[in-house]
């Protein structure tokens, strides 16, 4: 599975940005898709994910500000980020988890895309 992320950039506090990620395989083979982020000197953390049959899940720090959605027809996942704060500054990574025949999950990562929130 290859993931191609797009979006990101520089925005002022309070502004909005959107991220998109397209998978190279049929969406029906992917159990969940989501976004992680990593700021300098910190560990990578989950931001939002959306799992088949379960729905979206958000980190507490982004609830009410970020919205994740999935377009199964296009095998893409989108992250709409509103009311951005300086602490949202990080490199954002797209993630996809695919269920294997053994019942385990294989994780795949896209290239990181930078989000900078600064005045």
Protein backbone atom coordinates (compact mmCIF):
# COMPACT_ATOMS: atom_id res chain seq x y z
CA UNK A 1 0.00 0.00 0.00
CA UNK A 2 1.36 3.39 -0.97
CA UNK A 3 -0.02 6.57 0.52
CA UNK A 4 0.26 9.97 -1.13
CA UNK A 5 -0.39 12.91 1.15
CA UNK A 6 -1.07 16.47 0.10
CA UNK A 7 -1.98 19.74 1.73
CA UNK A 8 -0.45 21.48 4.69
CA UNK A 9 1.54 24.67 4.70
CA UNK A 10 1.73 27.85 6.71
CA UNK A 11 -1.32 29.40 8.34
CA UNK A 12 -1.96 32.00 11.01
CA UNK A 13 -3.46 31.02 14.36
CA UNK A 14 -7.19 30.61 14.05
CA UNK A 15 -6.93 29.70 10.40
CA UNK A 16 -7.78 26.51 8.54
CA UNK A 17 -5.95 23.93 6.48
CA UNK A 18 -6.88 20.63 4.94
CA UNK A 19 -4.88 17.49 4.35
CA UNK A 20 -5.65 14.69 1.94
CA UNK A 21 -4.20 11.23 1.54
CA UNK A 22 -4.80 8.80 -1.29
CA UNK A 23 -4.14 5.08 -1.01
CA UNK A 24 -2.93 2.98 -3.91
CA UNK A 25 -5.31 0.10 -3.18
CA UNK A 26 -9.04 -0.37 -3.07
CA UNK A 27 -10.47 1.17 0.04
CA UNK A 28 -12.34 -2.01 0.89
CA UNK A 29 -9.04 -3.69 1.80
CA UNK A 30 -8.13 -0.98 4.32
CA UNK A 31 -9.45 -1.30 7.84
CA UNK A 32 -8.64 2.20 9.02
CA UNK A 33 -7.05 5.40 7.78
CA UNK A 34 -5.90 8.33 9.77
CA UNK A 35 -3.39 11.02 10.59
CA UNK A 36 -0.54 11.18 13.05
CA UNK A 37 1.71 14.12 13.79
CA UNK A 38 5.15 14.67 15.20
CA UNK A 39 6.49 17.95 16.49
CA UNK A 40 10.23 18.46 16.99
CA UNK A 41 11.47 16.66 20.08
CA UNK A 42 8.23 14.76 20.61
CA UNK A 43 6.89 11.32 19.83
CA UNK A 44 4.53 10.71 16.97
CA UNK A 45 0.94 10.91 18.17
CA UNK A 46 -2.40 9.98 16.73
CA UNK A 47 -4.51 12.92 15.64
CA UNK A 48 -7.56 11.33 14.08
CA UNK A 49 -8.57 8.07 12.52
CA UNK A 50 -11.58 6.54 10.88
CA UNK A 51 -12.22 2.83 11.00
CA UNK A 52 -14.63 0.79 8.93
CA UNK A 53 -17.73 0.05 10.93
CA UNK A 54 -16.59 2.16 13.86
CA UNK A 55 -16.38 5.75 12.73
CA UNK A 56 -14.03 8.60 13.57
CA UNK A 57 -11.83 8.96 16.61
CA UNK A 58 -9.99 12.11 17.65
CA UNK A 59 -7.25 13.10 20.02
CA UNK A 60 -8.64 15.22 22.85
CA UNK A 61 -6.48 18.14 21.75
CA UNK A 62 -8.21 18.42 18.36
CA UNK A 63 -11.80 17.49 19.20
CA UNK A 64 -14.23 20.09 17.93
CA UNK A 65 -11.61 21.63 15.64
CA UNK A 66 -10.55 18.84 13.29
CA UNK A 67 -12.80 16.67 11.13
CA UNK A 68 -11.70 13.47 9.45
CA UNK A 69 -13.59 11.99 6.54
CA UNK A 70 -13.06 9.09 4.21
CA UNK A 71 -14.00 8.75 0.55
CA UNK A 72 -14.09 5.02 -0.06
CA UNK A 73 -14.75 5.42 -3.77
CA UNK A 74 -11.45 7.26 -4.14
CA UNK A 75 -9.56 5.48 -1.34
CA UNK A 76 -8.79 8.83 0.25
CA UNK A 77 -8.95 10.31 3.70
CA UNK A 78 -9.23 14.01 4.43
CA UNK A 79 -8.47 16.02 7.52
CA UNK A 80 -10.09 19.42 7.82
CA UNK A 81 -8.30 21.47 10.44
CA UNK A 82 -10.02 24.59 11.78
CA UNK A 83 -9.17 27.02 14.56
CA UNK A 84 -5.54 26.04 14.28
CA UNK A 85 -3.21 26.75 17.18
CA UNK A 86 0.53 27.09 17.35
CA UNK A 87 0.67 23.76 19.16
CA UNK A 88 -0.74 22.08 16.05
CA UNK A 89 2.54 22.80 14.31
CA UNK A 90 4.07 19.47 13.33
CA UNK A 91 4.80 17.11 10.50
CA UNK A 92 1.60 15.22 9.74
CA UNK A 93 1.71 11.61 8.51
CA UNK A 94 -1.03 9.67 6.81
CA UNK A 95 -1.56 6.14 8.07
CA UNK A 96 -3.45 3.15 6.72
CA UNK A 97 -3.98 -0.16 8.47
CA UNK A 98 -4.74 -3.25 6.42
CA UNK A 99 -6.05 -6.48 7.86
CA UNK A 100 -3.92 -9.49 6.87
CA UNK A 101 -5.22 -13.04 6.30
CA UNK A 102 -3.69 -13.92 9.66
CA UNK A 103 -5.86 -11.37 11.39
CA UNK A 104 -3.04 -8.94 12.15
CA UNK A 105 -2.82 -5.33 10.99
CA UNK A 106 -0.13 -4.08 8.66
CA UNK A 107 0.53 -0.36 9.01
CA UNK A 108 1.56 1.84 6.13
CA UNK A 109 2.77 5.45 6.19
CA UNK A 110 2.72 8.29 3.75
CA UNK A 111 5.40 10.91 3.44
CA UNK A 112 5.07 13.65 6.02
CA UNK A 113 3.58 16.98 5.22
CA UNK A 114 4.40 20.06 7.27
CA UNK A 115 1.82 22.17 9.02
CA UNK A 116 3.07 25.41 10.53
CA UNK A 117 0.78 27.64 12.56
CA UNK A 118 2.42 30.97 13.13
CA UNK A 119 1.72 34.65 12.92
